[in-house]
């Protein structure tokens, strides 16, 4: 019985890790296309935190981008599973 619980716990950990990696790759590809459409340069992307909102577990990603090649700005991407909930960008400064 103990071996069965250990195998189940290991399978749950592997599934959780696989979901996190899949979500991170989705966020990267989605943001790369989004920045290309907005004429921005995507610099970095990282998972910031998880948060419960309106009964859903949302993953917040922070990303840095440049609109002129010199300045760095930071935006937020919110995901629910593999669905984009919100993207927020700061007001861009003119050089």
C-alpha atoms as a PDB file:
ATOM      1  CA  UNK A   1       0.000   0.000   0.000  1.00  0.00           C
ATOM      2  CA  UNK A   2       2.848   2.367   0.818  1.00  0.00           C
ATOM      3  CA  UNK A   3       4.479   1.737  -2.563  1.00  0.00           C
ATOM      4  CA  UNK A   4       1.211   2.549  -4.329  1.00  0.00           C
ATOM      5  CA  UNK A   5       0.910   5.881  -2.496  1.00  0.00           C
ATOM      6  CA  UNK A   6       4.533   6.706  -3.306  1.00  0.00           C
ATOM      7  CA  UNK A   7       3.963   5.969  -6.996  1.00  0.00           C
ATOM      8  CA  UNK A   8       0.784   8.065  -6.974  1.00  0.00           C
ATOM      9  CA  UNK A   9       2.585  10.978  -5.281  1.00  0.00           C
ATOM     10  CA  UNK A  10       5.420  10.743  -7.813  1.00  0.00           C
ATOM     11  CA  UNK A  11       2.948  10.701 -10.702  1.00  0.00           C
ATOM     12  CA  UNK A  12       1.172  13.798  -9.312  1.00  0.00           C
ATOM     13  CA  UNK A  13       4.488  15.641  -8.963  1.00  0.00           C
ATOM     14  CA  UNK A  14       5.457  14.730 -12.525  1.00  0.00           C
ATOM     15  CA  UNK A  15       2.059  15.881 -13.861  1.00  0.00           C
ATOM     16  CA  UNK A  16       2.346  19.176 -11.961  1.00  0.00           C
ATOM     17  CA  UNK A  17       5.846  19.778 -13.299  1.00  0.00           C
ATOM     18  CA  UNK A  18       4.720  18.942 -16.855  1.00  0.00           C
ATOM     19  CA  UNK A  19       1.800  21.412 -16.570  1.00  0.00           C
ATOM     20  CA  UNK A  20       4.074  24.191 -15.291  1.00  0.00           C
ATOM     21  CA  UNK A  21       6.558  23.652 -18.136  1.00  0.00           C
ATOM     22  CA  UNK A  22       3.775  23.538 -20.724  1.00  0.00           C
ATOM     23  CA  UNK A  23       2.294  26.761 -19.374  1.00  0.00           C
ATOM     24  CA  UNK A  24       5.693  28.494 -19.419  1.00  0.00           C
ATOM     25  CA  UNK A  25       6.339  27.452 -23.013  1.00  0.00           C
ATOM     26  CA  UNK A  26       2.854  28.611 -24.041  1.00  0.00           C
ATOM     27  CA  UNK A  27       3.447  31.990 -22.355  1.00  0.00           C
ATOM     28  CA  UNK A  28       6.779  32.408 -24.134  1.00  0.00           C
ATOM     29  CA  UNK A  29       5.411  31.613 -27.599  1.00  0.00           C
ATOM     30  CA  UNK A  30       2.274  33.706 -27.094  1.00  0.00           C
ATOM     31  CA  UNK A  31       4.266  36.721 -25.857  1.00  0.00           C
ATOM     32  CA  UNK A  32       6.780  36.411 -28.674  1.00  0.00           C
ATOM     33  CA  UNK A  33       3.960  36.666 -31.229  1.00  0.00           C
ATOM     34  CA  UNK A  34       2.234  39.428 -29.242  1.00  0.00           C
ATOM     35  CA  UNK A  35       5.430  41.512 -29.114  1.00  0.00           C
ATOM     36  CA  UNK A  36       5.998  40.942 -32.824  1.00  0.00           C
ATOM     37  CA  UNK A  37       2.473  42.239 -33.602  1.00  0.00           C
ATOM     38  CA  UNK A  38       2.959  45.272 -31.324  1.00  0.00           C
ATOM     39  CA  UNK A  39       6.424  45.997 -32.766  1.00  0.00           C
ATOM     40  CA  UNK A  40       8.163  45.301 -29.441  1.00  0.00           C
ATOM     41  CA  UNK A  41      11.256  43.298 -28.583  1.00  0.00           C
ATOM     42  CA  UNK A  42      10.721  40.582 -25.947  1.00  0.00           C
ATOM     43  CA  UNK A  43      13.752  40.451 -23.629  1.00  0.00           C
ATOM     44  CA  UNK A  44      12.912  38.195 -20.671  1.00  0.00           C
ATOM     45  CA  UNK A  45      10.008  36.238 -19.249  1.00  0.00           C
ATOM     46  CA  UNK A  46       9.569  34.663 -15.822  1.00  0.00           C
ATOM     47  CA  UNK A  47       6.775  33.207 -13.719  1.00  0.00           C
ATOM     48  CA  UNK A  48       6.070  35.587 -10.873  1.00  0.00           C
ATOM     49  CA  UNK A  49       3.325  33.986  -8.753  1.00  0.00           C
ATOM     50  CA  UNK A  50      -0.019  32.246  -8.579  1.00  0.00           C
ATOM     51  CA  UNK A  51      -3.142  33.966  -7.328  1.00  0.00           C
ATOM     52  CA  UNK A  52      -6.800  33.047  -6.774  1.00  0.00           C
ATOM     53  CA  UNK A  53      -9.115  35.440  -8.607  1.00  0.00           C
ATOM     54  CA  UNK A  54     -12.819  34.965  -9.143  1.00  0.00           C
ATOM     55  CA  UNK A  55     -12.596  31.299  -8.167  1.00  0.00           C
ATOM     56  CA  UNK A  56      -9.762  30.527 -10.614  1.00  0.00           C
ATOM     57  CA  UNK A  57      -6.089  29.866 -10.076  1.00  0.00           C
ATOM     58  CA  UNK A  58      -4.201  32.334 -12.280  1.00  0.00           C
ATOM     59  CA  UNK A  59      -0.494  32.306 -13.072  1.00  0.00           C
ATOM     60  CA  UNK A  60       1.166  35.697 -13.339  1.00  0.00           C
ATOM     61  CA  UNK A  61       4.171  36.087 -15.601  1.00  0.00           C
ATOM     62  CA  UNK A  62       6.354  39.179 -15.719  1.00  0.00           C
ATOM     63  CA  UNK A  63       8.192  40.045 -18.901  1.00  0.00           C
ATOM     64  CA  UNK A  64      10.600  42.722 -19.978  1.00  0.00           C
ATOM     65  CA  UNK A  65      10.440  44.261 -23.406  1.00  0.00           C
ATOM     66  CA  UNK A  66      11.877  47.158 -25.339  1.00  0.00           C
ATOM     67  CA  UNK A  67      10.082  49.379 -27.799  1.00  0.00           C
ATOM     68  CA  UNK A  68      13.105  51.349 -28.998  1.00  0.00           C
ATOM     69  CA  UNK A  69      16.066  49.050 -28.313  1.00  0.00           C
ATOM     70  CA  UNK A  70      17.363  51.216 -25.464  1.00  0.00           C
ATOM     71  CA  UNK A  71      14.780  51.286 -22.681  1.00  0.00           C
ATOM     72  CA  UNK A  72      13.495  48.299 -20.741  1.00  0.00           C
ATOM     73  CA  UNK A  73       9.875  48.153 -19.614  1.00  0.00           C
ATOM     74  CA  UNK A  74       8.024  45.479 -17.666  1.00  0.00           C
ATOM     75  CA  UNK A  75       4.602  44.028 -18.374  1.00  0.00           C
ATOM     76  CA  UNK A  76       2.331  41.388 -16.877  1.00  0.00           C
ATOM     77  CA  UNK A  77       0.694  38.348 -18.432  1.00  0.00           C
ATOM     78  CA  UNK A  78      -2.061  36.457 -16.596  1.00  0.00           C
ATOM     79  CA  UNK A  79      -2.898  32.885 -17.611  1.00  0.00           C
ATOM     80  CA  UNK A  80      -5.625  30.473 -16.540  1.00  0.00           C
ATOM     81  CA  UNK A  81      -4.374  27.116 -17.700  1.00  0.00           C
ATOM     82  CA  UNK A  82      -3.397  27.731 -21.321  1.00  0.00           C
ATOM     83  CA  UNK A  83      -5.762  30.655 -21.809  1.00  0.00           C
ATOM     84  CA  UNK A  84      -4.631  34.287 -21.717  1.00  0.00           C
ATOM     85  CA  UNK A  85      -6.732  36.279 -19.251  1.00  0.00           C
ATOM     86  CA  UNK A  86      -4.986  39.661 -19.342  1.00  0.00           C
ATOM     87  CA  UNK A  87      -1.898  41.439 -20.659  1.00  0.00           C
ATOM     88  CA  UNK A  88      -0.903  44.756 -19.168  1.00  0.00           C
ATOM     89  CA  UNK A  89       1.788  47.072 -20.469  1.00  0.00           C
ATOM     90  CA  UNK A  90       2.957  50.366 -18.996  1.00  0.00           C
ATOM     91  CA  UNK A  91       2.465  53.599 -20.864  1.00  0.00           C
ATOM     92  CA  UNK A  92       5.410  53.705 -23.233  1.00  0.00           C
ATOM     93  CA  UNK A  93       7.762  56.674 -23.044  1.00  0.00           C
ATOM     94  CA  UNK A  94       8.995  58.377 -26.159  1.00  0.00           C
ATOM     95  CA  UNK A  95      12.794  58.732 -26.400  1.00  0.00           C
END
